[in-house]
Amino acid sequence: MSDVEFSGVISDISPPREVVTKFGTNSVANAKVTDETGNVTLSLWGKQISLFKVGDRIEVKGGYTRSFRGEIQISVGKMGSLKKLED
């Protein structure tokens, strides 16, 4: 699914790990984002990892979903946006 928009609160962030993609080596961490309907895993890449912490309220626009190891995950990609919302 593409053009996903949602907001929620980061309830957990995994430790970053190094991965090799077709674009080269990069860091990735999984953030668990929670709202009134449940939770979903959001992939944080590179510099995004240091911009967010547990408890931050975030908004995703133009994201996309994919299945990874049997779990639905959301990524922002180059065309989407991810920002921290003010309380």
Protein backbone atom coordinates (compact mmCIF):
# COMPACT_ATOMS: atom_id res chain seq x y z
CA MET A 1 0.00 0.00 0.00
CA SER A 2 1.34 3.45 -0.83
CA ASP A 3 0.58 7.04 0.17
CA VAL A 4 0.02 6.04 3.82
CA GLU A 5 -0.67 8.82 6.33
CA PHE A 6 -0.93 8.39 10.11
CA SER A 7 0.21 9.77 13.43
CA GLY A 8 1.06 8.10 16.70
CA VAL A 9 3.47 7.93 19.62
CA ILE A 10 6.79 6.08 19.50
CA SER A 11 6.59 3.45 22.22
CA ASP A 12 9.87 1.64 21.50
CA ILE A 13 12.96 1.93 19.29
CA SER A 14 15.27 -0.99 18.61
CA PRO A 15 19.05 -0.52 18.69
CA PRO A 16 20.35 0.56 15.26
CA ARG A 17 21.94 -2.09 13.06
CA GLU A 18 24.02 -1.89 9.90
CA VAL A 19 22.48 -3.31 6.74
CA VAL A 20 23.70 -3.61 3.18
CA THR A 21 21.14 -2.56 0.54
CA LYS A 22 21.36 -2.05 -3.19
CA PHE A 23 22.20 1.59 -2.34
CA GLY A 24 25.10 0.69 -0.02
CA THR A 25 25.54 0.31 3.74
CA ASN A 26 23.18 2.18 6.06
CA SER A 27 21.89 2.11 9.64
CA VAL A 28 18.30 1.12 10.37
CA ALA A 29 16.23 0.92 13.56
CA ASN A 30 12.65 -0.22 14.08
CA ALA A 31 10.31 2.12 15.94
CA LYS A 32 7.05 0.79 17.36
CA VAL A 33 4.40 3.48 16.79
CA THR A 34 1.14 3.29 18.74
CA ASP A 35 -2.25 4.98 18.31
CA GLU A 36 -5.81 4.24 19.43
CA THR A 37 -6.14 1.42 16.85
CA GLY A 38 -2.97 -0.51 17.74
CA ASN A 39 0.68 -0.38 16.77
CA VAL A 40 2.89 -0.74 13.73
CA THR A 41 6.62 -0.92 13.04
CA LEU A 42 8.17 2.11 11.35
CA SER A 43 11.63 1.81 9.78
CA LEU A 44 13.99 4.66 10.72
CA TRP A 45 16.95 5.02 8.36
CA GLY A 46 20.28 6.79 8.79
CA LYS A 47 19.94 10.28 10.30
CA GLN A 48 16.25 9.68 11.15
CA ILE A 49 17.36 7.41 14.00
CA SER A 50 18.89 10.24 16.05
CA LEU A 51 15.96 12.63 15.42
CA PHE A 52 13.35 10.62 17.37
CA LYS A 53 13.02 9.09 20.83
CA VAL A 54 10.49 7.05 22.79
CA GLY A 55 7.51 9.24 23.71
CA ASP A 56 7.70 11.45 20.60
CA ARG A 57 4.43 12.04 18.77
CA ILE A 58 5.10 11.68 15.03
CA GLU A 59 3.31 12.09 11.72
CA VAL A 60 3.97 10.12 8.53
CA LYS A 61 2.78 11.38 5.14
CA GLY A 62 3.30 9.62 1.84
CA GLY A 63 4.65 6.44 3.44
CA TYR A 64 4.29 2.91 2.14
CA THR A 65 3.75 -0.51 3.69
CA ARG A 66 5.48 -3.79 3.05
CA SER A 67 5.65 -7.18 4.65
CA PHE A 68 8.99 -8.11 6.21
CA ARG A 69 9.38 -11.47 7.96
CA GLY A 70 5.61 -11.78 8.19
CA GLU A 71 5.07 -8.37 9.78
CA ILE A 72 3.59 -5.25 8.15
CA GLN A 73 6.07 -2.36 8.34
CA ILE A 74 5.86 1.26 7.26
CA SER A 75 8.67 3.17 5.55
CA VAL A 76 8.77 6.80 4.53
CA GLY A 77 10.97 6.56 1.45
CA LYS A 78 12.21 9.48 -0.63
CA MET A 79 8.78 10.84 -1.53
CA GLY A 80 7.26 10.74 1.97
CA SER A 81 7.79 12.79 5.10
CA LEU A 82 8.26 12.03 8.77
CA LYS A 83 8.08 14.75 11.40
CA LYS A 84 7.82 15.17 15.15
CA LEU A 85 4.56 16.81 16.28
CA GLU A 86 4.45 19.34 19.08
CA ASP A 87 2.51 18.32 22.18
